[in-house]
Amino acid sequence: MKQYAIRNTIRLMTDTHTATIPVWDKFIRAFHWALVLGVSVAAVTGFLLRPTWINVHVWAGVTAAVLLLARVLWGIWGSKNARFSGFVKGPREVMAHITELRSGKAARHLGHNPLGALMIIALLGTVLLLSLTGLAGLGGVFKAGPLGFATPYSLGGFTLSVHEILAIFLLVLVGLHIAGAVFEGMRTKENLVKSMVTGEKEMRKGDHDVPDVSSKPIWASLIFGLLLAALVWGGIFLSSKPPFGVPVGPPNATYADECSACHMAYAPSLLPAKNWGTMMAQLGDHFGEDASLSQADTDEITTWLFENASDSIDTKPAHVFSRTNPAFPLAITETPFWKNTHRTIPDEVFTRPPIYDNGNCAACHSDADSAAFYPANISIPKETSP
């Protein structure tokens, strides 16, 4: 019945227009352009914009991952040209198609040709790897997301490096995909971009097997809904677990009271234990000020600082700030990492109100008290009246 309706539609269209044949169903078209948008946003926020756009980048990646899941299910239960079994070919068929292209005798394919199918699998596989490495990097480096509770910083840093390589590789694949579509369009004299919008191609001699693109597989929709719900619940549950290597205890009240009287109370994870020991032993000359405390308070604070120093914390700040400047071992703002990440900010920005000093991390980082320093929590305030 469906085949009859499709053929009847084609027959009616020949009265006033060039006959067309349905090729791509609505889901495939929506998936294609949604993935284009998601990858574009991820690329722009990852390569061109500042780290403060990290949340947009992450959600673009999550969207791409959800689309990928839906596409896999549709590749099993979707319409004919959408099913992997209908267009994925083996090495022999791919090589035969290449030989035919070289000889100029390659046939026209309504759906993906063997090389196009290989590209689709490469694109989907790369997006999958990008999603996995992105989640691992987010969890290990920024201690956020569903993998934050189990991913150490070292693994997160490695996967982020792989993530960046895969992102470049994906852009190369996209370029080849576009070039292939242009070549195939010129070879077959078809507007392939238009066909991915309308879902139709021009009907030509020999196009007798009209694909059924009107099917609505209930199993794909049902399983996708259940898997998506499970992923959302699992993501929320795992994201709520304490991050790997991050202290969860309350700050020391004595330390907070004494230090915040003159400046922000820096998290102990920003310096190694030996540096804190040196600082606590020199409170009489604390950056030019006398910050002496009672012996009891000094011992209490020193013990707490040692227990929570960067030596025993697995966050990114703990790792990068532990590499201190030998000439200024107690100054966080003299570390190579601090100087490198703040190099584009003019010096006068740090002296204007309400910042006043380059050590006033809390002025720009809303999570400075926990020393998380998540990129999305950065906001340089406008100058205010003193």
Protein backbone atom coordinates (compact mmCIF):
# COMPACT_ATOMS: atom_id res chain seq x y z
CA MET A 1 0.00 0.00 0.00
CA LYS A 2 2.82 2.38 0.88
CA GLN A 3 4.65 1.56 -2.35
CA TYR A 4 1.49 2.29 -4.32
CA ALA A 5 1.06 5.68 -2.59
CA ILE A 6 4.66 6.63 -3.32
CA ARG A 7 4.45 5.59 -6.96
CA ASN A 8 1.15 7.44 -7.33
CA THR A 9 2.78 10.60 -5.91
CA ILE A 10 5.61 10.27 -8.42
CA ARG A 11 3.14 9.78 -11.27
CA LEU A 12 1.17 12.89 -10.30
CA MET A 13 4.33 15.00 -10.06
CA THR A 14 5.26 14.20 -13.66
CA ASP A 15 2.29 16.23 -14.87
CA THR A 16 3.88 19.57 -13.97
CA HIS A 17 7.37 18.86 -12.63
CA THR A 18 10.33 16.60 -13.16
CA ALA A 19 9.54 13.28 -11.53
CA THR A 20 11.28 12.77 -8.19
CA ILE A 21 11.85 9.78 -6.01
CA PRO A 22 11.92 9.79 -2.18
CA VAL A 23 15.34 8.90 -0.81
CA TRP A 24 15.92 10.34 2.68
CA ASP A 25 13.31 10.12 5.44
CA LYS A 26 12.53 13.02 7.77
CA PHE A 27 14.65 11.67 10.61
CA ILE A 28 17.78 11.33 8.47
CA ARG A 29 17.41 14.89 7.21
CA ALA A 30 16.77 16.30 10.67
CA PHE A 31 19.68 14.28 12.09
CA HIS A 32 22.05 15.44 9.37
CA TRP A 33 21.45 19.16 9.79
CA ALA A 34 21.24 18.96 13.60
CA LEU A 35 24.62 17.20 13.67
CA VAL A 36 26.05 19.84 11.32
CA LEU A 37 24.86 22.52 13.76
CA GLY A 38 26.14 20.67 16.84
CA VAL A 39 29.59 20.00 15.35
CA SER A 40 29.83 23.61 14.09
CA VAL A 41 29.04 25.03 17.54
CA ALA A 42 31.50 22.64 19.18
CA ALA A 43 34.22 23.57 16.68
CA VAL A 44 33.71 27.33 17.05
CA THR A 45 33.60 27.23 20.86
CA GLY A 46 36.51 24.81 21.03
CA PHE A 47 38.90 26.39 18.52
CA LEU A 48 37.94 30.06 18.23
CA LEU A 49 36.26 31.32 21.40
CA ARG A 50 37.60 31.78 24.92
CA PRO A 51 37.51 28.98 27.52
CA THR A 52 34.55 30.72 29.20
CA TRP A 53 32.39 29.16 26.45
CA ILE A 54 33.13 25.68 27.78
CA ASN A 55 29.54 25.00 28.86
CA VAL A 56 28.23 25.74 25.36
CA HIS A 57 30.96 23.48 23.97
CA VAL A 58 30.02 20.68 26.36
CA TRP A 59 26.31 20.88 25.56
CA ALA A 60 27.05 20.92 21.83
CA GLY A 61 29.03 17.73 22.37
CA VAL A 62 26.25 16.16 24.44
CA THR A 63 23.76 17.02 21.71
CA ALA A 64 26.00 15.35 19.11
CA ALA A 65 26.26 12.25 21.31
CA VAL A 66 22.48 12.01 21.72
CA LEU A 67 22.03 12.44 17.96
CA LEU A 68 24.59 9.69 17.41
CA LEU A 69 22.66 7.32 19.67
CA ALA A 70 19.44 8.04 17.78
CA ARG A 71 21.19 7.52 14.44
CA VAL A 72 22.55 4.14 15.50
CA LEU A 73 19.08 2.95 16.46
CA TRP A 74 17.63 4.35 13.24
CA GLY A 75 20.39 2.54 11.38
CA ILE A 76 18.95 -0.70 12.71
CA TRP A 77 15.19 -0.09 12.53
CA GLY A 78 14.87 2.93 10.24
CA SER A 79 13.81 3.21 6.61
CA LYS A 80 15.67 1.41 3.82
CA ASN A 81 18.33 3.98 2.92
CA ALA A 82 18.90 4.74 6.62
CA ARG A 83 19.68 1.17 7.68
CA PHE A 84 23.35 0.25 7.95
CA SER A 85 22.58 -3.14 6.42
CA GLY A 86 21.35 -1.32 3.33
CA PHE A 87 24.39 0.82 2.57
CA VAL A 88 27.48 -0.37 4.47
CA LYS A 89 29.63 -2.45 2.14
CA GLY A 90 32.72 -4.56 2.57
CA PRO A 91 36.26 -3.84 1.28
CA ARG A 92 35.63 -5.67 -1.98
CA GLU A 93 32.63 -3.52 -2.89
CA VAL A 94 34.49 -0.34 -1.90
CA MET A 95 37.48 -1.21 -4.09
CA ALA A 96 35.19 -2.16 -6.95
CA HIS A 97 33.46 1.23 -6.67
CA ILE A 98 36.81 3.02 -6.73
CA THR A 99 37.79 1.08 -9.86
CA GLU A 100 34.50 2.04 -11.50
CA LEU A 101 35.05 5.70 -10.60
CA ARG A 102 38.48 5.64 -12.20
CA SER A 103 37.10 4.10 -15.37
CA GLY A 104 34.16 6.51 -15.46
CA LYS A 105 31.65 3.66 -15.29
CA ALA A 106 30.50 4.03 -11.69
CA ALA A 107 26.75 3.63 -11.29
CA ARG A 108 24.52 6.23 -9.66
CA HIS A 109 23.32 5.36 -6.15
CA LEU A 110 20.07 6.65 -4.74
CA GLY A 111 21.42 6.36 -1.21
CA HIS A 112 25.06 6.28 -0.06
CA ASN A 113 27.57 4.83 -2.48
CA PRO A 114 30.22 2.49 -0.97
CA LEU A 115 32.74 5.31 -0.44
CA GLY A 116 30.08 7.59 0.99
CA ALA A 117 29.02 4.83 3.36
CA LEU A 118 32.62 4.45 4.53
CA MET A 119 32.73 8.18 5.22
CA ILE A 120 29.47 8.04 7.22
CA ILE A 121 30.89 5.29 9.45
CA ALA A 122 34.14 7.26 9.90
CA LEU A 123 32.21 10.42 10.83
CA LEU A 124 29.94 8.62 13.30
CA GLY A 125 32.87 6.75 14.85
CA THR A 126 34.87 9.94 15.28
CA VAL A 127 31.94 11.74 16.89
CA LEU A 128 31.58 8.80 19.29
CA LEU A 129 35.26 8.95 20.27
CA LEU A 130 35.03 12.72 20.65
CA SER A 131 32.10 12.31 23.02
CA LEU A 132 33.89 9.72 25.16
CA THR A 133 37.20 11.59 25.33
CA GLY A 134 35.37 14.85 26.00
CA LEU A 135 33.51 13.35 28.96
CA ALA A 136 36.71 11.80 30.33
CA GLY A 137 38.59 15.09 29.93
CA LEU A 138 35.78 17.05 31.57
CA GLY A 139 35.78 14.63 34.48
CA GLY A 140 39.52 14.33 34.96
CA VAL A 141 40.65 17.90 34.35
CA PHE A 142 37.64 19.90 35.53
CA LYS A 143 36.14 17.33 37.94
CA ALA A 144 32.73 17.83 36.35
CA GLY A 145 30.22 15.67 34.55
CA PRO A 146 29.30 12.00 35.02
CA LEU A 147 32.92 10.77 34.93
CA GLY A 148 34.29 13.29 37.42
CA PHE A 149 33.93 10.85 40.31
CA ALA A 150 36.24 8.23 38.75
CA THR A 151 38.69 10.00 36.44
CA PRO A 152 42.13 11.12 37.69
CA TYR A 153 43.69 14.29 36.34
CA SER A 154 46.43 12.43 34.47
CA LEU A 155 43.91 10.39 32.49
CA GLY A 156 41.73 13.45 31.90
CA GLY A 157 44.68 15.42 30.57
CA PHE A 158 45.61 12.60 28.21
CA THR A 159 42.07 12.16 26.90
CA LEU A 160 41.74 15.92 26.34
CA SER A 161 44.87 15.78 24.17
CA VAL A 162 43.33 12.91 22.21
CA HIS A 163 40.08 14.89 22.07
CA GLU A 164 41.86 17.82 20.40
CA ILE A 165 43.51 15.52 17.84
CA LEU A 166 40.17 13.85 17.08
CA ALA A 167 38.54 17.28 16.67
CA ILE A 168 41.08 18.20 14.00
CA PHE A 169 40.61 14.79 12.38
CA LEU A 170 36.84 15.33 12.33
CA LEU A 171 37.28 18.66 10.55
CA VAL A 172 39.42 16.90 7.95
CA LEU A 173 36.74 14.25 7.50
CA VAL A 174 34.07 16.94 7.15
CA GLY A 175 36.16 18.63 4.47
CA LEU A 176 36.56 15.33 2.59
CA HIS A 177 32.84 14.64 3.01
CA ILE A 178 31.94 17.99 1.46
CA ALA A 179 34.46 17.48 -1.34
CA GLY A 180 33.04 14.02 -1.99
CA ALA A 181 29.48 15.37 -2.11
CA VAL A 182 30.53 18.07 -4.57
CA PHE A 183 32.35 15.52 -6.75
CA GLU A 184 29.45 13.07 -6.69
CA GLY A 185 26.98 15.86 -7.43
CA MET A 186 29.00 16.94 -10.46
CA ARG A 187 29.46 13.35 -11.61
CA THR A 188 25.78 12.45 -11.38
CA LYS A 189 24.52 15.97 -12.15
CA GLU A 190 22.49 16.08 -8.92
CA ASN A 191 22.14 18.67 -6.18
CA LEU A 192 22.93 16.45 -3.20
CA VAL A 193 22.57 19.26 -0.68
CA LYS A 194 19.05 19.96 -1.95
CA SER A 195 18.18 16.27 -1.75
CA MET A 196 19.20 16.26 1.93
CA VAL A 197 16.76 19.13 2.46
CA THR A 198 13.81 17.86 0.42
CA GLY A 199 14.52 14.14 0.86
CA GLU A 200 14.09 13.56 -2.87
CA LYS A 201 16.18 12.99 -5.97
CA GLU A 202 15.32 13.21 -9.64
CA MET A 203 13.80 9.97 -10.88
CA ARG A 204 15.76 8.50 -13.77
CA LYS A 205 15.56 5.52 -16.02
CA GLY A 206 16.13 2.34 -14.07
CA ASP A 207 14.88 3.73 -10.73
CA HIS A 208 12.25 1.06 -10.25
CA ASP A 209 12.91 0.07 -6.65
CA VAL A 210 11.36 3.01 -4.83
CA PRO A 211 12.69 3.16 -1.23
CA ASP A 212 10.11 3.20 1.54
CA VAL A 213 10.86 6.33 3.58
CA SER A 214 7.51 6.56 5.31
CA SER A 215 8.08 3.85 7.91
CA LYS A 216 7.94 4.80 11.59
CA PRO A 217 9.67 2.02 13.55
CA ILE A 218 8.15 1.91 17.01
CA TRP A 219 11.07 -0.06 18.40
CA ALA A 220 13.64 2.57 17.52
CA SER A 221 11.58 5.32 19.16
CA LEU A 222 10.81 3.26 22.25
CA ILE A 223 14.37 2.06 22.84
CA PHE A 224 15.78 5.53 22.17
CA GLY A 225 13.41 7.04 24.73
CA LEU A 226 14.33 4.45 27.36
CA LEU A 227 18.07 4.76 26.72
CA LEU A 228 17.92 8.56 26.78
CA ALA A 229 16.02 8.53 30.06
CA ALA A 230 18.55 6.08 31.53
CA LEU A 231 21.47 8.22 30.35
CA VAL A 232 19.95 11.40 31.80
CA TRP A 233 19.25 9.74 35.14
CA GLY A 234 22.68 8.11 35.20
CA GLY A 235 24.39 11.36 34.24
CA ILE A 236 22.65 13.30 37.00
CA PHE A 237 23.33 10.59 39.58
CA LEU A 238 27.03 10.18 38.70
CA SER A 239 27.57 13.95 38.44
CA SER A 240 26.37 14.31 42.02
CA LYS A 241 29.06 11.96 43.37
CA PRO A 242 32.15 13.53 44.98
CA PRO A 243 34.82 14.23 42.34
CA PHE A 244 37.92 12.06 42.28
CA GLY A 245 40.78 13.48 44.34
CA VAL A 246 38.91 16.57 45.54
CA PRO A 247 38.57 17.32 49.28
CA VAL A 248 34.99 17.37 50.51
CA GLY A 249 35.53 18.51 54.09
CA PRO A 250 34.72 22.05 55.32
CA PRO A 251 37.46 24.72 55.34
CA ASN A 252 39.34 25.33 58.54
CA ALA A 253 37.51 28.09 60.43
CA THR A 254 40.65 29.51 62.06
CA TYR A 255 42.45 29.71 58.72
CA ALA A 256 39.45 31.35 57.05
CA ASP A 257 39.09 33.94 59.80
CA GLU A 258 42.74 34.85 60.07
CA CYS A 259 43.60 34.96 56.37
CA SER A 260 40.43 36.63 55.10
CA ALA A 261 41.08 39.54 57.48
CA CYS A 262 43.69 40.81 54.99
CA HIS A 263 43.02 38.98 51.71
CA MET A 264 41.04 36.07 50.30
CA ALA A 265 41.64 32.76 52.02
CA TYR A 266 43.51 30.80 49.37
CA ALA A 267 42.65 27.13 49.06
CA PRO A 268 45.48 24.95 50.41
CA SER A 269 45.47 22.91 47.18
CA LEU A 270 47.19 25.80 45.40
CA LEU A 271 50.63 25.15 46.91
CA PRO A 272 52.69 22.09 47.92
CA ALA A 273 52.99 21.24 51.62
CA LYS A 274 56.64 22.33 51.80
CA ASN A 275 55.72 25.79 50.53
CA TRP A 276 52.93 26.12 53.09
CA GLY A 277 55.41 25.02 55.75
CA THR A 278 57.81 27.75 54.72
CA MET A 279 55.03 30.35 54.69
CA MET A 280 53.72 29.38 58.14
CA ALA A 281 57.27 29.52 59.55
CA GLN A 282 57.70 33.09 58.27
CA LEU A 283 54.46 34.72 59.42
CA GLY A 284 56.45 37.45 61.11
CA ASP A 285 57.41 38.69 57.66
CA HIS A 286 54.42 37.68 55.53
CA PHE A 287 54.93 39.52 52.24
CA GLY A 288 56.12 42.56 54.14
CA GLU A 289 53.49 42.33 56.91
CA ASP A 290 53.51 40.87 60.43
CA ALA A 291 50.91 38.08 60.40
CA SER A 292 52.08 36.29 63.52
CA LEU A 293 49.58 33.96 65.25
CA SER A 294 49.52 32.09 68.51
CA GLN A 295 51.37 28.79 68.50
CA ALA A 296 48.13 26.87 68.86
CA ASP A 297 46.56 28.58 65.84
CA THR A 298 49.76 28.22 63.84
CA ASP A 299 49.92 24.47 64.54
CA GLU A 300 46.21 23.98 63.75
CA ILE A 301 46.40 25.85 60.45
CA THR A 302 49.69 24.22 59.43
CA THR A 303 48.29 20.73 60.03
CA TRP A 304 45.18 21.51 57.95
CA LEU A 305 47.26 23.04 55.14
CA PHE A 306 49.51 19.99 54.99
CA GLU A 307 46.53 17.63 54.81
CA ASN A 308 44.96 19.55 51.91
CA ALA A 309 48.03 20.78 50.03
CA SER A 310 48.46 20.19 46.31
CA ASP A 311 50.55 17.09 47.02
CA SER A 312 47.40 15.17 47.97
CA ILE A 313 44.81 16.84 45.69
CA ASP A 314 44.08 15.74 42.12
CA THR A 315 42.60 18.92 40.62
CA LYS A 316 44.08 20.81 37.68
CA PRO A 317 44.97 23.88 39.80
CA ALA A 318 46.71 21.61 42.32
CA HIS A 319 48.88 20.17 39.57
CA VAL A 320 49.68 23.32 37.61
CA PHE A 321 50.29 25.62 40.59
CA SER A 322 52.56 23.08 42.26
CA ARG A 323 55.15 24.03 39.63
CA THR A 324 56.23 27.20 41.42
CA ASN A 325 58.72 29.86 40.42
CA PRO A 326 61.99 29.08 42.31
CA ALA A 327 62.62 32.81 42.70
CA PHE A 328 59.16 33.34 44.28
CA PRO A 329 58.17 29.93 45.71
CA LEU A 330 55.33 31.31 47.84
CA ALA A 331 53.63 33.51 45.23
CA ILE A 332 50.89 31.88 43.16
CA THR A 333 50.85 34.83 40.77
CA GLU A 334 54.53 34.18 39.94
CA THR A 335 53.98 30.59 38.81
CA PRO A 336 54.51 29.86 35.09
CA PHE A 337 50.90 28.72 34.71
CA TRP A 338 49.40 31.87 36.23
CA LYS A 339 51.56 34.11 34.07
CA ASN A 340 50.79 32.18 30.91
CA THR A 341 47.01 32.10 31.40
CA HIS A 342 46.84 35.80 32.31
CA ARG A 343 49.32 37.06 29.72
CA THR A 344 46.65 38.66 27.51
CA ILE A 345 45.17 40.73 30.36
CA PRO A 346 46.72 44.22 30.66
CA ASP A 347 48.46 44.92 33.97
CA GLU A 348 46.23 47.92 34.67
CA VAL A 349 43.18 45.64 34.85
CA PHE A 350 44.56 44.12 38.05
CA THR A 351 44.98 47.48 39.74
CA ARG A 352 41.58 48.98 39.03
CA PRO A 353 38.63 48.55 41.39
CA PRO A 354 37.09 46.17 42.32
CA ILE A 355 40.10 43.91 41.60
CA TYR A 356 42.92 46.07 43.05
CA ASP A 357 45.50 43.28 43.06
CA ASN A 358 46.47 40.37 40.81
CA GLY A 359 46.22 38.04 43.78
CA ASN A 360 42.52 38.79 44.29
CA CYS A 361 41.35 35.67 42.46
CA ALA A 362 37.80 35.93 43.81
CA ALA A 363 37.21 39.17 41.88
CA CYS A 364 37.10 37.27 38.57
CA HIS A 365 36.64 33.63 39.60
CA SER A 366 33.36 32.96 41.38
CA ASP A 367 34.65 29.57 42.57
CA ALA A 368 38.05 30.82 43.78
CA ASP A 369 37.31 29.78 47.35
CA SER A 370 37.27 26.12 46.31
CA ALA A 371 40.14 26.60 43.82
CA ALA A 372 38.11 24.84 41.12
CA PHE A 373 38.68 27.70 38.65
CA TYR A 374 36.20 26.27 36.16
CA PRO A 375 36.49 28.32 32.91
CA ALA A 376 32.77 29.10 32.74
CA ASN A 377 32.99 30.78 36.16
CA ILE A 378 35.36 33.49 34.93
CA SER A 379 34.06 37.03 34.58
CA ILE A 380 36.35 40.07 34.66
CA PRO A 381 34.35 42.82 36.37
CA LYS A 382 34.01 46.27 34.90
CA GLU A 383 35.81 49.09 36.67
CA THR A 384 33.88 50.59 39.54
CA SER A 385 34.30 53.77 41.52
CA PRO A 386 36.75 53.30 44.42
